[in-house]
N, C-alpha and C. Protein backbone atom coordinates (compact mmCIF):
# COMPACT_ATOMS: atom_id res chain seq x y z
N MET A 1 84.21 -64.69 -34.28
CA MET A 1 83.61 -64.91 -35.86
C MET A 1 82.16 -64.74 -35.56
N THR A 2 80.89 -64.14 -36.28
CA THR A 2 79.83 -64.61 -36.47
C THR A 2 79.36 -64.98 -37.35
N LEU A 3 78.46 -65.73 -37.21
CA LEU A 3 77.94 -66.22 -38.32
C LEU A 3 76.30 -65.51 -38.50
N PRO A 4 75.91 -65.97 -39.87
CA PRO A 4 74.61 -65.66 -40.63
C PRO A 4 73.52 -66.17 -39.75
N VAL A 5 72.65 -65.87 -39.44
CA VAL A 5 71.00 -66.72 -38.74
C VAL A 5 70.42 -67.13 -40.34
N GLN A 6 70.68 -68.16 -40.10
CA GLN A 6 69.58 -69.04 -41.09
C GLN A 6 68.32 -70.06 -40.69
N ILE A 7 67.06 -69.18 -41.40
CA ILE A 7 66.23 -70.20 -40.70
C ILE A 7 66.00 -71.12 -41.88
N PRO A 8 65.99 -72.43 -41.55
CA PRO A 8 65.54 -73.30 -42.75
C PRO A 8 63.98 -74.30 -42.57
N GLN A 9 63.47 -73.13 -42.55
CA GLN A 9 62.27 -73.27 -42.80
C GLN A 9 61.08 -72.43 -43.72
N ILE A 10 59.97 -73.11 -44.28
CA ILE A 10 59.29 -71.81 -44.68
C ILE A 10 57.54 -72.54 -44.82
N ALA A 11 56.81 -71.85 -44.96
CA ALA A 11 55.27 -72.61 -45.08
C ALA A 11 54.42 -71.66 -46.26
N TYR A 12 53.44 -72.66 -46.58
CA TYR A 12 52.89 -72.02 -47.88
C TYR A 12 51.43 -72.66 -47.43
N VAL A 13 50.70 -71.41 -48.05
CA VAL A 13 49.31 -71.84 -47.88
C VAL A 13 48.20 -72.26 -49.33
N GLY A 14 48.02 -73.50 -48.38
CA GLY A 14 46.82 -74.34 -50.30
C GLY A 14 46.56 -73.59 -50.69
N ASP A 15 45.99 -74.33 -51.93
CA ASP A 15 45.18 -73.42 -53.15
C ASP A 15 43.66 -74.56 -53.11
N GLY A 16 44.44 -75.59 -53.28
CA GLY A 16 43.90 -76.95 -54.01
C GLY A 16 43.94 -77.19 -55.27
N VAL A 17 44.80 -76.34 -55.86
CA VAL A 17 45.40 -77.05 -57.06
C VAL A 17 46.91 -77.19 -57.16
N THR A 18 47.66 -76.09 -56.25
CA THR A 18 49.16 -76.41 -56.52
C THR A 18 49.74 -77.57 -55.56
N THR A 19 50.68 -78.39 -56.38
CA THR A 19 51.46 -78.90 -55.76
C THR A 19 52.60 -79.43 -56.05
N GLN A 20 53.37 -78.32 -56.57
CA GLN A 20 54.75 -78.41 -56.66
C GLN A 20 55.28 -76.48 -55.86
N PHE A 21 56.21 -77.15 -55.04
CA PHE A 21 56.72 -75.71 -53.81
C PHE A 21 58.04 -75.42 -53.86
N PRO A 22 58.28 -74.19 -54.21
CA PRO A 22 59.83 -74.02 -54.13
C PRO A 22 60.20 -74.36 -52.30
N VAL A 23 61.78 -74.65 -52.38
CA VAL A 23 62.37 -74.79 -50.95
C VAL A 23 63.56 -73.46 -51.14
N PRO A 24 63.17 -72.55 -50.35
CA PRO A 24 64.34 -71.81 -50.64
C PRO A 24 65.72 -71.73 -49.73
N PHE A 25 66.01 -72.78 -49.25
CA PHE A 25 66.79 -72.81 -48.19
C PHE A 25 68.02 -74.96 -48.96
N ARG A 26 69.21 -74.72 -48.42
CA ARG A 26 70.06 -75.90 -48.96
C ARG A 26 69.67 -76.68 -47.86
N TYR A 27 69.71 -77.95 -48.43
CA TYR A 27 69.80 -79.33 -48.06
C TYR A 27 70.42 -80.38 -48.92
N GLN A 28 71.14 -81.62 -48.20
CA GLN A 28 71.96 -82.00 -48.96
C GLN A 28 71.29 -83.53 -49.27
N GLU A 29 70.17 -83.63 -48.77
CA GLU A 29 69.70 -84.80 -49.17
C GLU A 29 68.55 -84.81 -49.26
N PRO A 30 67.48 -85.83 -49.79
CA PRO A 30 66.02 -85.23 -50.22
C PRO A 30 65.50 -85.74 -48.53
N ALA A 31 66.18 -86.88 -47.96
CA ALA A 31 65.63 -87.00 -46.62
C ALA A 31 65.79 -86.38 -45.30
N HIS A 32 66.84 -85.08 -45.64
CA HIS A 32 67.13 -84.09 -44.72
C HIS A 32 65.46 -82.99 -44.99
N LEU A 33 64.90 -83.09 -46.41
CA LEU A 33 63.66 -82.13 -46.35
C LEU A 33 62.59 -83.05 -45.63
N LYS A 34 61.42 -82.20 -44.51
CA LYS A 34 60.80 -82.59 -44.05
C LYS A 34 59.54 -81.92 -44.36
N ILE A 35 58.15 -82.41 -44.19
CA ILE A 35 57.26 -81.57 -44.77
C ILE A 35 55.27 -82.09 -43.69
N LEU A 36 55.11 -80.91 -43.57
CA LEU A 36 54.35 -80.85 -42.51
C LEU A 36 53.14 -80.32 -43.43
N LEU A 37 51.83 -81.19 -42.84
CA LEU A 37 50.46 -80.92 -43.07
C LEU A 37 49.53 -80.25 -42.14
N ARG A 38 49.45 -79.09 -42.45
CA ARG A 38 48.24 -78.66 -41.27
C ARG A 38 46.98 -78.13 -41.63
N ASN A 39 46.13 -78.83 -41.22
CA ASN A 39 44.73 -78.61 -41.90
C ASN A 39 43.92 -77.40 -40.94
N SER A 40 42.83 -76.76 -41.57
CA SER A 40 42.45 -75.76 -40.77
C SER A 40 41.86 -75.83 -39.59
N SER A 41 41.78 -77.08 -38.90
CA SER A 41 41.27 -77.57 -37.44
C SER A 41 42.48 -77.55 -36.59
N GLY A 42 43.71 -77.36 -36.85
CA GLY A 42 45.09 -77.59 -36.49
C GLY A 42 45.78 -78.62 -36.12
N VAL A 43 45.13 -79.38 -36.88
CA VAL A 43 45.69 -80.89 -37.23
C VAL A 43 46.53 -81.26 -37.82
N GLU A 44 47.85 -81.65 -37.68
CA GLU A 44 49.39 -81.77 -38.07
C GLU A 44 49.15 -83.30 -38.43
N THR A 45 49.92 -83.56 -39.81
CA THR A 45 50.22 -84.85 -39.96
C THR A 45 51.96 -84.66 -41.00
N GLU A 46 52.44 -85.46 -41.01
CA GLU A 46 53.92 -85.43 -41.34
C GLU A 46 53.87 -86.27 -42.65
N LEU A 47 54.45 -85.42 -43.39
CA LEU A 47 53.85 -86.35 -45.08
C LEU A 47 55.28 -87.35 -45.25
N LEU A 48 55.31 -87.95 -46.02
CA LEU A 48 56.15 -88.75 -45.97
C LEU A 48 56.69 -88.94 -47.78
N ASN A 49 58.47 -88.59 -47.53
CA ASN A 49 58.76 -88.57 -48.81
C ASN A 49 59.01 -90.47 -49.67
N GLY A 50 59.29 -89.83 -50.82
CA GLY A 50 58.59 -91.37 -51.28
C GLY A 50 57.15 -91.64 -52.16
N SER A 51 56.33 -91.55 -51.07
CA SER A 51 54.87 -91.60 -51.37
C SER A 51 54.07 -90.76 -51.04
N ASP A 52 53.91 -89.53 -50.02
CA ASP A 52 53.73 -88.39 -50.27
C ASP A 52 54.19 -86.76 -50.61
N PHE A 53 55.15 -87.08 -51.26
CA PHE A 53 56.33 -86.08 -52.21
C PHE A 53 57.51 -86.39 -52.62
N SER A 54 57.56 -86.05 -53.53
CA SER A 54 59.03 -86.11 -54.20
C SER A 54 60.20 -84.33 -54.03
N VAL A 55 61.30 -84.78 -53.95
CA VAL A 55 61.91 -83.95 -53.73
C VAL A 55 62.92 -83.52 -54.94
N THR A 56 63.25 -82.50 -55.29
CA THR A 56 64.69 -82.61 -56.37
C THR A 56 65.27 -80.90 -55.62
N SER A 57 66.68 -81.53 -55.96
CA SER A 57 67.86 -80.17 -55.45
C SER A 57 68.94 -80.72 -56.23
N ASP A 58 70.03 -79.82 -56.60
CA ASP A 58 70.99 -79.43 -57.16
C ASP A 58 72.30 -79.37 -55.82
N GLY A 59 71.48 -79.24 -54.77
CA GLY A 59 72.31 -79.47 -53.99
C GLY A 59 72.94 -77.78 -53.56
N ALA A 60 72.65 -76.95 -54.70
CA ALA A 60 72.73 -75.41 -54.51
C ALA A 60 72.47 -74.59 -53.20
N ASP A 61 72.74 -73.60 -52.99
CA ASP A 61 72.37 -72.99 -51.72
C ASP A 61 71.05 -72.43 -51.90
N SER A 62 70.44 -72.66 -53.38
CA SER A 62 69.09 -71.83 -53.42
C SER A 62 67.98 -72.80 -52.94
N GLY A 63 68.40 -74.07 -52.90
CA GLY A 63 67.37 -75.11 -52.31
C GLY A 63 67.17 -75.88 -54.13
N GLY A 64 66.03 -76.02 -53.50
CA GLY A 64 64.93 -76.61 -54.81
C GLY A 64 63.82 -77.05 -54.61
N SER A 65 62.86 -78.06 -54.72
CA SER A 65 61.38 -77.94 -55.11
C SER A 65 61.07 -79.36 -54.49
N ALA A 66 59.76 -79.34 -53.92
CA ALA A 66 59.16 -80.31 -53.56
C ALA A 66 57.47 -80.27 -54.21
N THR A 67 57.22 -82.36 -54.99
CA THR A 67 56.25 -81.77 -55.56
C THR A 67 55.18 -83.02 -54.68
N LEU A 68 54.06 -82.66 -53.90
CA LEU A 68 52.97 -83.57 -53.29
C LEU A 68 52.60 -83.96 -54.03
N SER A 69 52.24 -85.26 -53.77
CA SER A 69 51.20 -86.25 -54.48
C SER A 69 49.70 -85.27 -54.52
N ASN A 70 49.15 -84.93 -53.62
CA ASN A 70 48.26 -84.36 -53.28
C ASN A 70 48.28 -82.60 -53.08
N ALA A 71 47.03 -82.32 -53.65
CA ALA A 71 47.41 -79.94 -53.32
C ALA A 71 46.77 -79.75 -52.04
N PRO A 72 46.95 -79.53 -51.51
CA PRO A 72 46.71 -79.18 -50.16
C PRO A 72 45.36 -78.30 -50.48
N ALA A 73 44.82 -78.67 -49.60
CA ALA A 73 43.25 -77.92 -49.55
C ALA A 73 43.33 -76.36 -49.51
N VAL A 74 42.23 -75.62 -49.71
CA VAL A 74 42.07 -74.42 -49.58
C VAL A 74 42.39 -73.62 -48.19
N GLY A 75 43.47 -73.04 -47.65
CA GLY A 75 43.04 -72.83 -46.18
C GLY A 75 44.00 -73.87 -45.59
N GLU A 76 44.58 -74.94 -45.78
CA GLU A 76 45.53 -75.97 -45.22
C GLU A 76 47.42 -75.30 -45.24
N GLN A 77 47.94 -75.76 -43.97
CA GLN A 77 49.08 -75.02 -44.24
C GLN A 77 49.80 -76.33 -44.52
N VAL A 78 51.32 -75.91 -45.55
CA VAL A 78 51.89 -76.82 -45.66
C VAL A 78 53.50 -76.48 -45.32
N ILE A 79 54.06 -77.10 -44.18
CA ILE A 79 55.38 -76.44 -43.65
C ILE A 79 56.47 -77.31 -43.66
N PHE A 80 57.83 -76.81 -44.63
CA PHE A 80 58.79 -77.08 -44.89
C PHE A 80 59.82 -76.81 -43.57
N TRP A 81 60.66 -77.81 -43.63
CA TRP A 81 62.10 -77.62 -42.79
C TRP A 81 63.20 -78.95 -43.29
N ARG A 82 64.08 -78.10 -42.85
CA ARG A 82 65.39 -78.97 -42.76
C ARG A 82 65.85 -79.47 -41.66
N SER A 83 66.01 -81.34 -41.55
CA SER A 83 65.96 -81.60 -40.27
C SER A 83 67.67 -82.55 -40.67
N THR A 84 68.55 -82.10 -39.83
CA THR A 84 69.51 -82.91 -39.78
C THR A 84 70.65 -83.17 -38.51
N GLU A 85 71.04 -84.19 -38.42
CA GLU A 85 71.75 -84.44 -36.85
C GLU A 85 72.87 -83.42 -37.03
N ARG A 86 73.22 -83.41 -35.48
CA ARG A 86 74.26 -82.05 -35.12
C ARG A 86 75.43 -83.34 -34.90
N ALA A 87 76.35 -82.65 -35.88
CA ALA A 87 77.79 -83.61 -35.91
C ALA A 87 79.09 -82.40 -35.81
N GLN A 88 79.72 -83.03 -35.51
CA GLN A 88 80.99 -82.18 -35.31
C GLN A 88 81.89 -82.65 -36.06
N THR A 89 82.66 -82.43 -37.06
CA THR A 89 83.20 -83.04 -37.94
C THR A 89 84.76 -82.62 -37.84
N ALA A 90 85.00 -81.55 -37.34
CA ALA A 90 86.33 -81.11 -37.24
C ALA A 90 87.07 -81.43 -35.95
N ASP A 91 88.10 -82.01 -35.88
CA ASP A 91 89.06 -82.47 -34.60
C ASP A 91 89.87 -81.02 -34.89
N TYR A 92 89.68 -80.29 -33.71
CA TYR A 92 90.65 -79.76 -32.45
C TYR A 92 91.82 -79.78 -31.69
N ILE A 93 92.73 -79.74 -31.78
CA ILE A 93 94.01 -79.92 -31.58
C ILE A 93 94.43 -79.12 -30.52
N GLU A 94 94.34 -78.82 -28.84
CA GLU A 94 94.73 -78.35 -27.76
C GLU A 94 95.94 -77.78 -28.12
N LEU A 95 96.34 -76.36 -28.19
CA LEU A 95 97.02 -76.05 -28.37
C LEU A 95 97.92 -75.20 -29.82
N GLY A 96 96.46 -75.79 -30.55
CA GLY A 96 96.65 -75.74 -32.51
C GLY A 96 96.80 -74.13 -32.40
N ALA A 97 96.57 -74.33 -34.23
CA ALA A 97 96.47 -72.84 -34.16
C ALA A 97 95.30 -72.53 -34.30
N PHE A 98 94.43 -73.16 -34.33
CA PHE A 98 92.55 -73.10 -33.90
C PHE A 98 92.65 -73.79 -32.42
N SER A 99 92.46 -72.91 -31.61
CA SER A 99 92.24 -73.00 -30.09
C SER A 99 91.10 -74.38 -30.06
N ALA A 100 91.15 -74.85 -29.74
CA ALA A 100 90.18 -75.97 -29.11
C ALA A 100 88.98 -75.72 -27.97
N ALA A 101 89.28 -74.75 -27.65
CA ALA A 101 88.08 -74.00 -26.77
C ALA A 101 87.35 -72.99 -27.55
């Protein structure tokens, strides 16, 4: 069985005005969305959910949007990514209908 590759990351370039950005991938909770601001010198700062940005999502595969408290300056890069814990939620039984291997 093959699965499609999903890259839950996107980057935008700031224009000094825009504060709302679309997030085109699914995330189940606002805490799963991380945002990094990279200035023109390459210095990176992780933004904090609740103080530096807010998130909206209806849980759909299409994602949602994030609104930053301050517009990124011209040339700054805003990088969004999904960060979730890896967990195996299924318990496969040896010699069952679906092999544990």
